[in-house]
N, C-alpha and C. Protein backbone atom coordinates (compact mmCIF):
# COMPACT_ATOMS: atom_id res chain seq x y z
N MET A 1 9.54 -16.66 -9.69
CA MET A 1 10.05 -15.45 -9.98
C MET A 1 9.43 -14.26 -9.31
N ALA A 2 10.66 -13.46 -9.38
CA ALA A 2 10.13 -12.18 -8.86
C ALA A 2 9.67 -11.26 -9.43
N GLU A 3 8.66 -10.60 -8.87
CA GLU A 3 7.19 -9.93 -9.70
C GLU A 3 7.57 -8.17 -9.69
N GLN A 4 8.57 -7.55 -10.15
CA GLN A 4 8.54 -5.87 -9.82
C GLN A 4 7.58 -5.35 -9.76
N LEU A 5 7.46 -4.72 -8.72
CA LEU A 5 6.52 -3.51 -8.12
C LEU A 5 6.29 -2.71 -9.01
N SER A 6 5.06 -2.24 -9.78
CA SER A 6 4.70 -1.13 -10.71
C SER A 6 3.19 -0.54 -9.98
N TRP A 7 2.80 0.52 -10.25
CA TRP A 7 1.69 1.42 -9.68
C TRP A 7 1.15 2.06 -10.96
N THR A 8 -0.53 2.13 -10.87
CA THR A 8 -0.74 2.90 -11.95
C THR A 8 -1.69 3.69 -10.72
N ARG A 9 -2.33 5.17 -11.77
CA ARG A 9 -3.33 6.14 -10.77
C ARG A 9 -4.50 6.11 -11.88
N GLU A 10 -5.62 6.08 -11.39
CA GLU A 10 -6.93 6.57 -12.31
C GLU A 10 -7.61 6.98 -11.23
N GLY A 11 -8.06 8.41 -11.48
CA GLY A 11 -8.57 8.89 -11.09
C GLY A 11 -7.96 9.00 -9.37
N GLU A 12 -9.00 8.83 -8.25
CA GLU A 12 -8.65 8.45 -6.76
C GLU A 12 -8.06 7.12 -6.79
N ARG A 13 -7.86 6.59 -7.23
CA ARG A 13 -7.48 5.43 -7.05
C ARG A 13 -5.72 4.67 -7.31
N LEU A 14 -5.35 4.50 -6.18
CA LEU A 14 -3.50 3.94 -6.88
C LEU A 14 -3.71 2.25 -6.83
N SER A 15 -3.48 2.10 -8.05
CA SER A 15 -3.00 0.66 -7.58
C SER A 15 -2.27 0.17 -8.15
N LEU A 16 -1.83 -1.08 -6.86
CA LEU A 16 -0.06 -1.91 -6.66
C LEU A 16 0.14 -3.25 -7.54
N HIS A 17 0.72 -3.29 -8.33
CA HIS A 17 0.94 -4.77 -8.75
C HIS A 17 2.27 -5.22 -8.62
N GLY A 18 2.73 -6.69 -8.86
CA GLY A 18 3.50 -7.26 -8.09
C GLY A 18 3.86 -7.54 -6.91
N GLU A 19 5.31 -7.38 -6.56
CA GLU A 19 5.44 -7.65 -5.26
C GLU A 19 5.96 -6.20 -4.52
N LEU A 20 5.13 -6.20 -3.01
CA LEU A 20 5.69 -5.31 -2.32
C LEU A 20 6.34 -5.57 -1.32
N ASP A 21 7.76 -5.94 -1.42
CA ASP A 21 8.66 -6.27 -0.28
C ASP A 21 9.57 -5.11 -0.62
N GLN A 22 10.92 -5.40 0.35
CA GLN A 22 11.99 -4.77 0.53
C GLN A 22 12.92 -4.80 -0.79
N ASP A 23 12.55 -5.66 -1.44
CA ASP A 23 13.43 -5.94 -2.80
C ASP A 23 12.80 -4.91 -3.75
N PHE A 24 11.86 -4.42 -3.84
CA PHE A 24 11.03 -3.83 -4.83
C PHE A 24 10.64 -2.81 -4.22
N LEU A 25 10.38 -2.21 -3.15
CA LEU A 25 9.39 -1.41 -3.03
C LEU A 25 10.09 0.59 -3.14
N VAL A 26 11.51 0.33 -3.22
CA VAL A 26 12.28 1.74 -3.04
C VAL A 26 11.50 2.71 -4.04
N PRO A 27 11.48 2.30 -5.38
CA PRO A 27 10.94 3.36 -6.31
C PRO A 27 9.55 3.68 -5.69
N LEU A 28 8.58 2.98 -5.20
CA LEU A 28 7.70 3.51 -4.97
C LEU A 28 7.51 4.50 -3.40
N TRP A 29 8.68 4.08 -2.85
CA TRP A 29 9.31 4.88 -1.34
C TRP A 29 9.21 6.64 -1.96
N ASP A 30 10.36 6.29 -3.26
CA ASP A 30 10.77 7.54 -3.78
C ASP A 30 9.93 8.35 -4.40
N ALA A 31 8.55 8.03 -5.09
CA ALA A 31 7.33 8.62 -5.52
C ALA A 31 6.30 9.09 -4.99
N ARG A 32 6.64 8.28 -3.48
CA ARG A 32 5.14 8.00 -2.27
C ARG A 32 4.63 9.61 -2.34
N ASN A 33 4.96 10.46 -2.58
CA ASN A 33 4.19 12.14 -2.36
C ASN A 33 3.47 12.11 -3.78
N ASP A 34 3.79 11.93 -4.84
CA ASP A 34 3.26 12.25 -6.18
C ASP A 34 2.36 11.10 -6.18
N ALA A 35 2.26 9.61 -5.98
CA ALA A 35 1.83 8.46 -5.94
C ALA A 35 0.42 8.64 -5.12
N THR A 36 0.39 9.30 -3.85
CA THR A 36 -0.63 9.55 -3.38
C THR A 36 -1.20 10.58 -3.58
N GLN A 37 -1.12 11.96 -4.32
CA GLN A 37 -1.65 13.12 -4.75
C GLN A 37 -3.23 12.78 -4.86
N GLY A 38 -4.09 12.77 -4.44
CA GLY A 38 -5.22 13.30 -4.88
C GLY A 38 -5.95 11.59 -4.79
N VAL A 39 -5.17 10.63 -4.01
CA VAL A 39 -5.73 9.23 -3.96
C VAL A 39 -6.37 9.13 -2.66
N SER A 40 -7.25 8.24 -3.03
CA SER A 40 -8.20 7.71 -1.58
C SER A 40 -8.69 6.53 -1.14
N VAL A 41 -8.24 5.91 -2.22
CA VAL A 41 -8.57 4.22 -2.49
C VAL A 41 -6.60 3.81 -3.13
N ILE A 42 -6.61 2.85 -2.31
CA ILE A 42 -5.37 2.05 -2.86
C ILE A 42 -5.85 0.60 -2.44
N ASP A 43 -5.25 0.09 -4.07
CA ASP A 43 -5.81 -1.41 -4.39
C ASP A 43 -4.55 -2.12 -4.47
N LEU A 44 -4.89 -3.24 -3.51
CA LEU A 44 -3.81 -4.04 -3.20
C LEU A 44 -4.22 -5.73 -4.03
N SER A 45 -5.01 -5.66 -4.71
CA SER A 45 -5.96 -6.94 -5.65
C SER A 45 -4.46 -7.27 -6.64
N GLY A 46 -3.78 -6.46 -6.96
CA GLY A 46 -2.72 -6.89 -7.93
C GLY A 46 -1.50 -7.53 -7.35
N LEU A 47 -1.45 -7.42 -6.35
CA LEU A 47 -0.20 -7.66 -5.53
C LEU A 47 -0.38 -9.25 -5.22
N SER A 48 1.28 -9.61 -5.34
CA SER A 48 1.58 -11.09 -5.29
C SER A 48 2.12 -11.54 -3.89
N ARG A 49 2.61 -10.41 -3.54
CA ARG A 49 3.58 -10.54 -2.04
C ARG A 49 3.55 -9.46 -1.51
N VAL A 50 3.37 -9.36 -0.29
CA VAL A 50 3.92 -8.25 0.46
C VAL A 50 4.74 -8.65 1.92
N ASP A 51 5.87 -8.08 2.18
CA ASP A 51 6.29 -8.71 3.43
C ASP A 51 6.26 -7.21 4.38
N THR A 52 7.04 -7.36 5.77
CA THR A 52 6.67 -6.39 6.39
C THR A 52 7.26 -5.19 5.97
N ALA A 53 8.36 -5.20 4.89
CA ALA A 53 8.52 -3.81 4.65
C ALA A 53 7.18 -3.13 3.76
N GLY A 54 7.07 -3.80 3.47
CA GLY A 54 5.65 -3.66 2.72
C GLY A 54 4.62 -2.93 3.17
N LEU A 55 4.11 -3.81 4.45
CA LEU A 55 3.25 -3.34 5.71
C LEU A 55 3.33 -2.23 5.74
N ALA A 56 4.66 -1.57 6.31
CA ALA A 56 5.27 -0.25 6.93
C ALA A 56 5.12 0.67 5.75
N LEU A 57 5.52 0.56 4.75
CA LEU A 57 5.27 1.46 3.27
C LEU A 57 3.55 1.60 3.20
N LEU A 58 2.57 0.57 3.34
CA LEU A 58 1.25 0.55 3.50
C LEU A 58 0.64 1.49 4.31
N VAL A 59 1.50 1.44 5.59
CA VAL A 59 0.80 2.28 6.57
C VAL A 59 1.59 3.52 6.38
N HIS A 60 2.54 3.78 5.87
CA HIS A 60 2.88 5.20 5.45
C HIS A 60 2.14 5.97 4.50
N LEU A 61 1.79 4.91 3.90
CA LEU A 61 0.88 5.74 2.43
C LEU A 61 -0.60 5.99 2.92
N VAL A 62 -1.02 5.18 4.19
CA VAL A 62 -2.46 5.76 4.49
C VAL A 62 -1.85 6.67 5.06
N GLU A 63 -1.11 7.25 5.95
CA GLU A 63 -0.76 8.21 6.57
C GLU A 63 -0.81 9.23 5.67
N LEU A 64 0.00 9.47 5.14
CA LEU A 64 0.12 10.66 4.15
C LEU A 64 -1.10 10.92 3.04
N ILE A 65 -1.59 9.98 2.96
CA ILE A 65 -2.74 10.41 2.36
C ILE A 65 -4.24 11.41 3.35
N ARG A 66 -4.11 10.85 4.44
CA ARG A 66 -4.83 11.42 5.55
C ARG A 66 -4.05 12.88 5.69
N SER A 67 -2.46 13.16 5.72
CA SER A 67 -2.30 13.91 6.17
C SER A 67 -2.90 14.99 4.68
N GLN A 68 -2.99 14.44 3.71
CA GLN A 68 -3.30 15.75 2.64
C GLN A 68 -4.90 15.84 2.64
N GLY A 69 -5.40 15.40 3.84
CA GLY A 69 -6.94 15.95 4.31
C GLY A 69 -7.93 14.86 3.48
N ARG A 70 -7.80 13.35 3.33
CA ARG A 70 -8.48 12.74 2.85
C ARG A 70 -8.85 11.03 3.55
N THR A 71 -9.65 10.24 3.46
CA THR A 71 -9.72 9.33 4.06
C THR A 71 -9.30 8.48 3.48
N ALA A 72 -8.35 7.40 3.93
CA ALA A 72 -7.78 6.52 3.19
C ALA A 72 -8.51 4.93 3.13
N ASN A 73 -8.56 4.29 2.19
CA ASN A 73 -8.91 2.56 1.62
C ASN A 73 -8.12 1.92 0.94
N LEU A 74 -8.15 0.70 1.83
CA LEU A 74 -7.63 -0.48 1.12
C LEU A 74 -8.44 -1.23 0.44
N GLU A 75 -8.45 -1.54 -0.78
CA GLU A 75 -9.27 -2.45 -1.51
C GLU A 75 -8.67 -3.48 -1.69
N GLY A 76 -8.90 -5.06 -1.69
CA GLY A 76 -8.32 -6.28 -2.27
C GLY A 76 -6.95 -6.29 -1.26
N VAL A 77 -7.54 -6.50 0.22
CA VAL A 77 -6.73 -6.81 0.87
C VAL A 77 -6.31 -8.38 1.02
N SER A 78 -5.12 -8.64 0.92
CA SER A 78 -5.48 -10.31 0.71
C SER A 78 -5.18 -11.14 2.47
N GLU A 79 -5.25 -12.25 2.44
CA GLU A 79 -5.25 -13.03 3.58
C GLU A 79 -4.02 -12.76 4.41
N LYS A 80 -2.55 -12.27 3.35
CA LYS A 80 -1.14 -12.70 3.92
C LYS A 80 -1.54 -10.93 4.84
N VAL A 81 -1.59 -10.05 4.20
CA VAL A 81 -1.62 -8.89 4.59
C VAL A 81 -2.24 -8.68 5.80
N ALA A 82 -3.64 -9.23 6.27
CA ALA A 82 -4.23 -8.84 7.18
C ALA A 82 -3.72 -10.06 8.19
N THR A 83 -3.06 -11.05 8.06
CA THR A 83 -2.23 -11.76 8.73
C THR A 83 -1.02 -11.05 9.43
N LEU A 84 -0.28 -10.07 8.45
CA LEU A 84 0.58 -9.78 9.40
C LEU A 84 -0.02 -8.33 10.05
N LYS A 85 -1.19 -7.95 9.48
CA LYS A 85 -1.44 -6.67 10.25
C LYS A 85 -1.79 -7.37 11.78
N GLY A 86 -2.53 -8.51 11.85
CA GLY A 86 -2.81 -9.35 12.97
C GLY A 86 -1.07 -9.38 14.43
N LEU A 87 -0.35 -10.37 13.56
CA LEU A 87 0.49 -10.65 13.92
C LEU A 87 1.46 -9.35 14.62
N TYR A 88 1.71 -8.34 14.09
CA TYR A 88 1.58 -6.88 14.65
C TYR A 88 0.88 -6.28 15.44
N ASN A 89 -0.18 -6.69 15.53
CA ASN A 89 -1.44 -5.98 16.70
C ASN A 89 -1.47 -4.48 16.17
N LEU A 90 -1.69 -4.35 14.76
CA LEU A 90 -1.75 -2.86 14.63
C LEU A 90 -3.02 -2.22 14.34
N PRO A 91 -3.55 -1.49 14.60
CA PRO A 91 -4.91 -0.81 15.22
C PRO A 91 -5.41 -0.86 13.75
N GLU A 92 -6.83 -1.06 13.54
CA GLU A 92 -7.63 -1.60 12.68
C GLU A 92 -7.70 0.05 11.52
N ASP A 93 -7.48 1.50 12.29
CA ASP A 93 -7.23 2.28 11.13
C ASP A 93 -5.83 2.53 10.72
N MET A 94 -5.33 1.98 10.98
CA MET A 94 -3.72 1.70 10.42
C MET A 94 -3.76 1.39 8.95
N ILE A 95 -4.61 -0.01 8.72
CA ILE A 95 -4.49 -0.48 7.22
C ILE A 95 -6.05 -0.50 7.62
N PRO A 96 -6.55 0.57 6.79
CA PRO A 96 -8.55 0.31 6.81
C PRO A 96 -8.65 -0.39 6.12
């Protein structure tokens, strides 16, 4: 059963939960500026699924954080996300 995407923020940590895929990512896309304000860590450990659209959004969130003058770090990167990153031959700094 599909699990709706949700997120929480605590200090500099943005934690994602559920499925980060094309069916559920629109609310996060719409809230991306507010969601990343003051964030330096994106925690992916609560995600059960990430597709290519989700990967693209992660790349965008990392760039938003950097454009705000902070270093972006991803925690809880699953093997599936790492595999997608490798399949698309993304540079290391795009998904840190």
